[in-house]
């Protein structure tokens, strides 16, 4: 019997999830993208949603606890309530303003909490 080689070091960080700062960096990177480039809107909106979802999970798993991230988590919850279970491009496009506003609010909040992303 041959053994499988050990898994590469792409495993998630300790404590079972990504760090808030790492997800926030990816969320900030969406500022360099948008729906202005033809054919890019579907990718962009999906990416913003994915990063907000990852930030929600990272914030809840952070050692400071979800209470520390109360406002960002509330904004993401509001977005989820509006989107429902429909993550289709049509629904994301319909809620484009809410997606980018949620990202922008979180960006502003994080700028006031540099200890969370540095």
C-alpha atoms as a PDB file:
ATOM      1  CA  UNK A   1       0.000   0.000   0.000  1.00  0.00           C
ATOM      2  CA  UNK A   2       1.381   3.440  -0.923  1.00  0.00           C
ATOM      3  CA  UNK A   3       0.754   6.442   1.223  1.00  0.00           C
ATOM      4  CA  UNK A   4      -0.604   9.698  -0.095  1.00  0.00           C
ATOM      5  CA  UNK A   5       1.880  12.564   0.045  1.00  0.00           C
ATOM      6  CA  UNK A   6       1.124  15.127   2.744  1.00  0.00           C
ATOM      7  CA  UNK A   7      -1.274  17.864   1.766  1.00  0.00           C
ATOM      8  CA  UNK A   8       0.257  21.118   0.644  1.00  0.00           C
ATOM      9  CA  UNK A   9       0.315  24.084   2.976  1.00  0.00           C
ATOM     10  CA  UNK A  10      -2.898  25.550   1.581  1.00  0.00           C
ATOM     11  CA  UNK A  11      -4.768  24.564   4.733  1.00  0.00           C
ATOM     12  CA  UNK A  12      -6.760  27.224   6.524  1.00  0.00           C
ATOM     13  CA  UNK A  13      -5.098  29.100   9.356  1.00  0.00           C
ATOM     14  CA  UNK A  14      -5.351  27.803  12.897  1.00  0.00           C
ATOM     15  CA  UNK A  15      -8.618  28.260  14.779  1.00  0.00           C
ATOM     16  CA  UNK A  16     -10.613  26.963  11.823  1.00  0.00           C
ATOM     17  CA  UNK A  17     -10.883  29.971   9.554  1.00  0.00           C
ATOM     18  CA  UNK A  18      -9.419  32.892   7.764  1.00  0.00           C
ATOM     19  CA  UNK A  19      -8.245  35.999   9.525  1.00  0.00           C
ATOM     20  CA  UNK A  20     -10.404  39.100   9.232  1.00  0.00           C
ATOM     21  CA  UNK A  21      -7.453  41.111   7.923  1.00  0.00           C
ATOM     22  CA  UNK A  22      -6.847  38.671   5.058  1.00  0.00           C
ATOM     23  CA  UNK A  23     -10.477  38.679   3.941  1.00  0.00           C
ATOM     24  CA  UNK A  24     -10.667  42.454   4.319  1.00  0.00           C
ATOM     25  CA  UNK A  25      -7.629  42.838   2.049  1.00  0.00           C
ATOM     26  CA  UNK A  26      -9.416  40.831  -0.642  1.00  0.00           C
ATOM     27  CA  UNK A  27     -12.580  42.888  -0.148  1.00  0.00           C
ATOM     28  CA  UNK A  28     -10.556  46.088  -0.580  1.00  0.00           C
ATOM     29  CA  UNK A  29      -9.139  44.686  -3.812  1.00  0.00           C
ATOM     30  CA  UNK A  30     -12.643  44.842  -5.307  1.00  0.00           C
ATOM     31  CA  UNK A  31     -12.233  48.626  -5.468  1.00  0.00           C
ATOM     32  CA  UNK A  32      -9.965  48.020  -8.478  1.00  0.00           C
ATOM     33  CA  UNK A  33     -12.792  46.258 -10.293  1.00  0.00           C
ATOM     34  CA  UNK A  34     -16.373  46.986 -11.248  1.00  0.00           C
ATOM     35  CA  UNK A  35     -19.176  46.753 -13.740  1.00  0.00           C
ATOM     36  CA  UNK A  36     -17.700  49.321 -16.105  1.00  0.00           C
ATOM     37  CA  UNK A  37     -15.663  46.787 -18.083  1.00  0.00           C
ATOM     38  CA  UNK A  38     -17.858  44.918 -20.573  1.00  0.00           C
ATOM     39  CA  UNK A  39     -18.415  41.316 -19.509  1.00  0.00           C
ATOM     40  CA  UNK A  40     -16.931  41.837 -16.040  1.00  0.00           C
ATOM     41  CA  UNK A  41     -20.015  42.751 -14.012  1.00  0.00           C
ATOM     42  CA  UNK A  42     -21.080  39.191 -13.192  1.00  0.00           C
ATOM     43  CA  UNK A  43     -17.595  38.332 -11.925  1.00  0.00           C
ATOM     44  CA  UNK A  44     -17.321  41.564  -9.929  1.00  0.00           C
ATOM     45  CA  UNK A  45     -20.675  41.273  -8.162  1.00  0.00           C
ATOM     46  CA  UNK A  46     -20.089  37.598  -7.381  1.00  0.00           C
ATOM     47  CA  UNK A  47     -16.672  38.430  -5.992  1.00  0.00           C
ATOM     48  CA  UNK A  48     -18.008  41.183  -3.723  1.00  0.00           C
ATOM     49  CA  UNK A  49     -20.661  38.786  -2.405  1.00  0.00           C
ATOM     50  CA  UNK A  50     -18.082  36.028  -1.869  1.00  0.00           C
ATOM     51  CA  UNK A  51     -15.745  38.345   0.028  1.00  0.00           C
ATOM     52  CA  UNK A  52     -18.565  39.705   2.192  1.00  0.00           C
ATOM     53  CA  UNK A  53     -19.610  36.124   2.975  1.00  0.00           C
ATOM     54  CA  UNK A  54     -16.019  35.231   3.887  1.00  0.00           C
ATOM     55  CA  UNK A  55     -15.732  38.367   6.033  1.00  0.00           C
ATOM     56  CA  UNK A  56     -18.941  37.416   7.834  1.00  0.00           C
ATOM     57  CA  UNK A  57     -17.507  33.976   8.644  1.00  0.00           C
ATOM     58  CA  UNK A  58     -14.098  35.336   9.669  1.00  0.00           C
ATOM     59  CA  UNK A  59     -15.650  37.989  11.894  1.00  0.00           C
ATOM     60  CA  UNK A  60     -17.801  35.434  13.695  1.00  0.00           C
ATOM     61  CA  UNK A  61     -14.770  33.164  14.229  1.00  0.00           C
ATOM     62  CA  UNK A  62     -12.406  35.940  15.332  1.00  0.00           C
ATOM     63  CA  UNK A  63     -11.031  35.626  18.888  1.00  0.00           C
ATOM     64  CA  UNK A  64     -12.528  39.057  19.707  1.00  0.00           C
ATOM     65  CA  UNK A  65     -15.946  37.557  19.125  1.00  0.00           C
ATOM     66  CA  UNK A  66     -18.793  38.623  16.861  1.00  0.00           C
ATOM     67  CA  UNK A  67     -19.818  41.408  19.243  1.00  0.00           C
ATOM     68  CA  UNK A  68     -16.684  43.304  18.230  1.00  0.00           C
ATOM     69  CA  UNK A  69     -17.862  43.238  14.594  1.00  0.00           C
ATOM     70  CA  UNK A  70     -21.504  43.966  15.437  1.00  0.00           C
ATOM     71  CA  UNK A  71     -22.051  46.686  12.816  1.00  0.00           C
ATOM     72  CA  UNK A  72     -20.366  44.942   9.853  1.00  0.00           C
ATOM     73  CA  UNK A  73     -22.190  41.711  10.695  1.00  0.00           C
ATOM     74  CA  UNK A  74     -25.504  43.604  10.811  1.00  0.00           C
ATOM     75  CA  UNK A  75     -24.843  45.166   7.399  1.00  0.00           C
ATOM     76  CA  UNK A  76     -24.013  41.772   5.910  1.00  0.00           C
ATOM     77  CA  UNK A  77     -27.141  40.265   7.496  1.00  0.00           C
ATOM     78  CA  UNK A  78     -29.252  43.030   5.939  1.00  0.00           C
ATOM     79  CA  UNK A  79     -27.685  42.312   2.553  1.00  0.00           C
ATOM     80  CA  UNK A  80     -28.393  38.599   2.929  1.00  0.00           C
ATOM     81  CA  UNK A  81     -32.007  39.301   3.856  1.00  0.00           C
ATOM     82  CA  UNK A  82     -32.429  41.407   0.715  1.00  0.00           C
ATOM     83  CA  UNK A  83     -30.733  38.862  -1.555  1.00  0.00           C
ATOM     84  CA  UNK A  84     -32.469  35.861  -0.051  1.00  0.00           C
ATOM     85  CA  UNK A  85     -31.118  32.582  -1.371  1.00  0.00           C
ATOM     86  CA  UNK A  86     -30.815  33.951  -4.919  1.00  0.00           C
ATOM     87  CA  UNK A  87     -27.192  34.616  -5.866  1.00  0.00           C
ATOM     88  CA  UNK A  88     -27.927  34.732  -9.592  1.00  0.00           C
ATOM     89  CA  UNK A  89     -26.358  37.503 -11.622  1.00  0.00           C
ATOM     90  CA  UNK A  90     -29.789  39.010 -12.244  1.00  0.00           C
ATOM     91  CA  UNK A  91     -30.463  39.290  -8.500  1.00  0.00           C
ATOM     92  CA  UNK A  92     -26.964  40.562  -7.736  1.00  0.00           C
ATOM     93  CA  UNK A  93     -27.319  43.169 -10.484  1.00  0.00           C
ATOM     94  CA  UNK A  94     -30.686  44.208  -9.041  1.00  0.00           C
ATOM     95  CA  UNK A  95     -28.976  44.683  -5.646  1.00  0.00           C
ATOM     96  CA  UNK A  96     -25.708  46.087  -6.995  1.00  0.00           C
ATOM     97  CA  UNK A  97     -26.026  49.325  -5.046  1.00  0.00           C
ATOM     98  CA  UNK A  98     -26.656  47.456  -1.789  1.00  0.00           C
ATOM     99  CA  UNK A  99     -23.661  45.175  -2.434  1.00  0.00           C
ATOM    100  CA  UNK A 100     -21.272  48.062  -3.021  1.00  0.00           C
ATOM    101  CA  UNK A 101     -22.784  50.172  -0.221  1.00  0.00           C
ATOM    102  CA  UNK A 102     -22.285  47.276   2.214  1.00  0.00           C
ATOM    103  CA  UNK A 103     -18.686  46.909   1.070  1.00  0.00           C
ATOM    104  CA  UNK A 104     -18.133  50.658   1.436  1.00  0.00           C
ATOM    105  CA  UNK A 105     -19.668  50.816   4.931  1.00  0.00           C
ATOM    106  CA  UNK A 106     -17.462  47.938   6.052  1.00  0.00           C
ATOM    107  CA  UNK A 107     -14.413  49.596   4.522  1.00  0.00           C
ATOM    108  CA  UNK A 108     -15.162  52.806   6.430  1.00  0.00           C
ATOM    109  CA  UNK A 109     -15.751  50.887   9.663  1.00  0.00           C
ATOM    110  CA  UNK A 110     -12.494  48.949   9.283  1.00  0.00           C
ATOM    111  CA  UNK A 111     -10.551  52.161   8.635  1.00  0.00           C
ATOM    112  CA  UNK A 112     -11.619  53.189  12.125  1.00  0.00           C
ATOM    113  CA  UNK A 113     -10.419  49.844  13.530  1.00  0.00           C
ATOM    114  CA  UNK A 114      -6.898  49.444  12.107  1.00  0.00           C
ATOM    115  CA  UNK A 115      -6.017  46.851  14.759  1.00  0.00           C
ATOM    116  CA  UNK A 116      -8.368  44.475  12.940  1.00  0.00           C
ATOM    117  CA  UNK A 117      -6.618  44.553   9.598  1.00  0.00           C
ATOM    118  CA  UNK A 118      -2.961  45.271  10.250  1.00  0.00           C
END
